[in-house]
Amino acid sequence: MAKTLELEFATEFGKLARLSVENPKEPIEEAVVKAAMEEMIASGVFTSTNGNFASVKGARVIDRNVTEYEII
């Protein structure tokens, strides 16, 4: 089972940009995630092809289960 925390930002051009964090520390606290996202925006370190991060849009955890079968 693999989990990914996906952070969604609105950019300066009104587009959507996503940043993924593999295997996030749990439990995930919404207030902590929002504060971290706001710090990312304020620092100006991250950008995308859609422009600089401008505001917090949302966050979600994607939980993926993979079952492999050995086929002989």
N, C-alpha and C. Protein backbone atom coordinates (compact mmCIF):
# COMPACT_ATOMS: atom_id res chain seq x y z
N MET A 1 0.85 -1.17 0.00
CA MET A 1 0.00 0.00 0.00
C MET A 1 0.90 1.23 0.00
N ALA A 2 0.68 2.10 -0.95
CA ALA A 2 1.46 3.33 -1.06
C ALA A 2 0.53 4.53 -0.92
N LYS A 3 0.96 5.47 -0.11
CA LYS A 3 0.18 6.69 0.07
C LYS A 3 0.95 7.89 -0.45
N THR A 4 0.20 8.82 -1.01
CA THR A 4 0.77 10.06 -1.51
C THR A 4 -0.10 11.21 -1.04
N LEU A 5 0.54 12.24 -0.49
CA LEU A 5 -0.16 13.46 -0.13
C LEU A 5 -0.03 14.40 -1.31
N GLU A 6 -1.15 14.78 -1.88
CA GLU A 6 -1.14 15.66 -3.04
C GLU A 6 -1.61 17.05 -2.61
N LEU A 7 -0.75 18.03 -2.81
CA LEU A 7 -1.06 19.42 -2.45
C LEU A 7 -1.46 20.16 -3.72
N GLU A 8 -2.57 20.86 -3.66
CA GLU A 8 -3.07 21.59 -4.83
C GLU A 8 -3.02 23.09 -4.55
N PHE A 9 -2.44 23.80 -5.52
CA PHE A 9 -2.29 25.25 -5.41
C PHE A 9 -2.92 25.92 -6.62
N ALA A 10 -3.50 27.10 -6.40
CA ALA A 10 -3.91 27.95 -7.52
C ALA A 10 -2.69 28.79 -7.85
N THR A 11 -2.44 29.01 -9.15
CA THR A 11 -1.28 29.79 -9.55
C THR A 11 -1.67 31.23 -9.84
N GLU A 12 -0.66 32.03 -10.08
CA GLU A 12 -0.89 33.45 -10.37
C GLU A 12 -1.70 33.68 -11.63
N PHE A 13 -1.76 32.66 -12.51
CA PHE A 13 -2.53 32.77 -13.75
C PHE A 13 -3.89 32.08 -13.66
N GLY A 14 -4.30 31.71 -12.44
CA GLY A 14 -5.60 31.08 -12.25
C GLY A 14 -5.64 29.61 -12.65
N LYS A 15 -4.49 29.01 -12.83
CA LYS A 15 -4.40 27.59 -13.18
C LYS A 15 -4.16 26.77 -11.92
N LEU A 16 -4.13 25.45 -12.08
CA LEU A 16 -3.92 24.54 -10.96
C LEU A 16 -2.53 23.93 -11.07
N ALA A 17 -1.84 23.83 -9.93
CA ALA A 17 -0.54 23.16 -9.86
C ALA A 17 -0.59 22.19 -8.68
N ARG A 18 0.05 21.04 -8.86
CA ARG A 18 0.06 20.02 -7.81
C ARG A 18 1.49 19.68 -7.42
N LEU A 19 1.64 19.36 -6.14
CA LEU A 19 2.92 18.91 -5.60
C LEU A 19 2.63 17.65 -4.80
N SER A 20 3.37 16.58 -5.06
CA SER A 20 3.12 15.30 -4.40
C SER A 20 4.22 14.96 -3.40
N VAL A 21 3.80 14.42 -2.26
CA VAL A 21 4.72 13.97 -1.22
C VAL A 21 4.47 12.49 -1.00
N GLU A 22 5.48 11.67 -1.28
CA GLU A 22 5.35 10.23 -1.11
C GLU A 22 5.45 9.85 0.37
N ASN A 23 4.66 8.88 0.78
CA ASN A 23 4.69 8.34 2.15
C ASN A 23 4.66 9.43 3.22
N PRO A 24 3.60 10.22 3.25
CA PRO A 24 3.53 11.32 4.23
C PRO A 24 3.44 10.78 5.66
N LYS A 25 3.95 11.57 6.59
CA LYS A 25 3.89 11.23 8.02
C LYS A 25 2.43 11.27 8.47
N GLU A 26 2.02 10.24 9.16
CA GLU A 26 0.64 10.19 9.64
C GLU A 26 0.62 10.27 11.15
N PRO A 27 -0.43 10.74 11.76
CA PRO A 27 -1.66 11.22 11.12
C PRO A 27 -1.43 12.60 10.48
N ILE A 28 -2.16 12.83 9.43
CA ILE A 28 -2.06 14.10 8.71
C ILE A 28 -3.01 15.10 9.35
N GLU A 29 -2.46 16.23 9.77
CA GLU A 29 -3.26 17.27 10.40
C GLU A 29 -3.51 18.39 9.40
N GLU A 30 -4.77 18.67 9.15
CA GLU A 30 -5.15 19.66 8.14
C GLU A 30 -4.51 21.03 8.40
N ALA A 31 -4.51 21.46 9.63
CA ALA A 31 -3.97 22.78 9.96
C ALA A 31 -2.47 22.85 9.66
N VAL A 32 -1.76 21.77 9.94
CA VAL A 32 -0.32 21.72 9.68
C VAL A 32 -0.05 21.74 8.18
N VAL A 33 -0.84 20.98 7.42
CA VAL A 33 -0.68 20.93 5.97
C VAL A 33 -0.95 22.32 5.38
N LYS A 34 -2.02 22.96 5.82
CA LYS A 34 -2.36 24.29 5.30
C LYS A 34 -1.25 25.30 5.63
N ALA A 35 -0.74 25.26 6.85
CA ALA A 35 0.32 26.18 7.24
C ALA A 35 1.58 25.94 6.40
N ALA A 36 1.92 24.69 6.16
CA ALA A 36 3.09 24.38 5.34
C ALA A 36 2.90 24.87 3.90
N MET A 37 1.69 24.69 3.38
CA MET A 37 1.41 25.15 2.01
C MET A 37 1.52 26.67 1.92
N GLU A 38 1.02 27.37 2.94
CA GLU A 38 1.11 28.84 2.95
C GLU A 38 2.57 29.29 3.03
N GLU A 39 3.41 28.55 3.77
CA GLU A 39 4.83 28.87 3.84
C GLU A 39 5.50 28.66 2.49
N MET A 40 5.10 27.61 1.78
CA MET A 40 5.65 27.35 0.44
C MET A 40 5.33 28.50 -0.50
N ILE A 41 4.10 28.99 -0.42
CA ILE A 41 3.68 30.11 -1.28
C ILE A 41 4.49 31.36 -0.92
N ALA A 42 4.61 31.65 0.38
CA ALA A 42 5.31 32.85 0.83
C ALA A 42 6.79 32.82 0.46
N SER A 43 7.38 31.64 0.47
CA SER A 43 8.81 31.54 0.17
C SER A 43 9.11 31.77 -1.31
N GLY A 44 8.15 31.48 -2.17
CA GLY A 44 8.34 31.67 -3.60
C GLY A 44 9.31 30.67 -4.23
N VAL A 45 9.64 29.62 -3.51
CA VAL A 45 10.60 28.63 -4.00
C VAL A 45 10.01 27.77 -5.12
N PHE A 46 8.75 27.43 -5.00
CA PHE A 46 8.13 26.55 -5.98
C PHE A 46 7.43 27.33 -7.08
N THR A 47 7.54 26.83 -8.27
CA THR A 47 6.84 27.40 -9.42
C THR A 47 6.45 26.24 -10.33
N SER A 48 5.63 26.52 -11.29
CA SER A 48 5.22 25.48 -12.24
C SER A 48 5.13 26.10 -13.62
N THR A 49 4.84 25.29 -14.60
CA THR A 49 4.65 25.81 -15.95
C THR A 49 3.41 26.69 -16.02
N ASN A 50 2.54 26.57 -15.02
CA ASN A 50 1.33 27.38 -14.96
C ASN A 50 1.51 28.66 -14.14
N GLY A 51 2.75 28.92 -13.68
CA GLY A 51 3.02 30.13 -12.92
C GLY A 51 3.39 29.85 -11.48
N ASN A 52 3.65 30.92 -10.74
CA ASN A 52 4.00 30.80 -9.32
C ASN A 52 2.78 30.42 -8.50
N PHE A 53 3.03 29.69 -7.41
CA PHE A 53 1.94 29.33 -6.50
C PHE A 53 1.38 30.60 -5.87
N ALA A 54 0.06 30.76 -5.89
CA ALA A 54 -0.55 31.98 -5.38
C ALA A 54 -1.45 31.75 -4.16
N SER A 55 -2.16 30.61 -4.12
CA SER A 55 -3.04 30.34 -2.98
C SER A 55 -3.25 28.84 -2.81
N VAL A 56 -3.69 28.47 -1.61
CA VAL A 56 -3.97 27.07 -1.29
C VAL A 56 -5.30 26.70 -1.91
N LYS A 57 -5.33 25.62 -2.66
CA LYS A 57 -6.56 25.15 -3.29
C LYS A 57 -7.13 23.95 -2.53
N GLY A 58 -6.25 23.02 -2.12
CA GLY A 58 -6.71 21.84 -1.40
C GLY A 58 -5.60 20.83 -1.22
N ALA A 59 -5.92 19.76 -0.53
CA ALA A 59 -4.97 18.67 -0.32
C ALA A 59 -5.75 17.38 -0.19
N ARG A 60 -5.10 16.29 -0.59
CA ARG A 60 -5.77 14.99 -0.47
C ARG A 60 -4.72 13.90 -0.35
N VAL A 61 -5.12 12.79 0.25
CA VAL A 61 -4.26 11.62 0.34
C VAL A 61 -4.77 10.60 -0.65
N ILE A 62 -3.85 10.13 -1.46
CA ILE A 62 -4.18 9.09 -2.43
C ILE A 62 -3.59 7.79 -1.89
N ASP A 63 -4.44 6.81 -1.70
CA ASP A 63 -4.04 5.52 -1.14
C ASP A 63 -4.13 4.49 -2.26
N ARG A 64 -3.00 3.91 -2.61
CA ARG A 64 -2.97 2.99 -3.74
C ARG A 64 -2.57 1.60 -3.27
N ASN A 65 -3.37 0.63 -3.62
CA ASN A 65 -3.07 -0.78 -3.31
C ASN A 65 -2.67 -1.47 -4.61
N VAL A 66 -1.58 -2.19 -4.56
CA VAL A 66 -1.12 -2.95 -5.71
C VAL A 66 -0.98 -4.41 -5.31
N THR A 67 -1.61 -5.28 -6.05
CA THR A 67 -1.48 -6.71 -5.83
C THR A 67 -0.80 -7.32 -7.03
N GLU A 68 0.36 -7.91 -6.80
CA GLU A 68 1.09 -8.54 -7.90
C GLU A 68 0.84 -10.03 -7.88
N TYR A 69 0.74 -10.60 -9.06
CA TYR A 69 0.54 -12.03 -9.22
C TYR A 69 1.69 -12.60 -10.02
N GLU A 70 2.23 -13.70 -9.54
CA GLU A 70 3.30 -14.36 -10.27
C GLU A 70 2.67 -15.31 -11.27
N ILE A 71 2.79 -14.99 -12.53
CA ILE A 71 2.21 -15.80 -13.59
C ILE A 71 3.34 -16.65 -14.19
N ILE A 72 3.16 -17.93 -14.11
CA ILE A 72 4.19 -18.86 -14.62
C ILE A 72 3.73 -19.49 -15.92
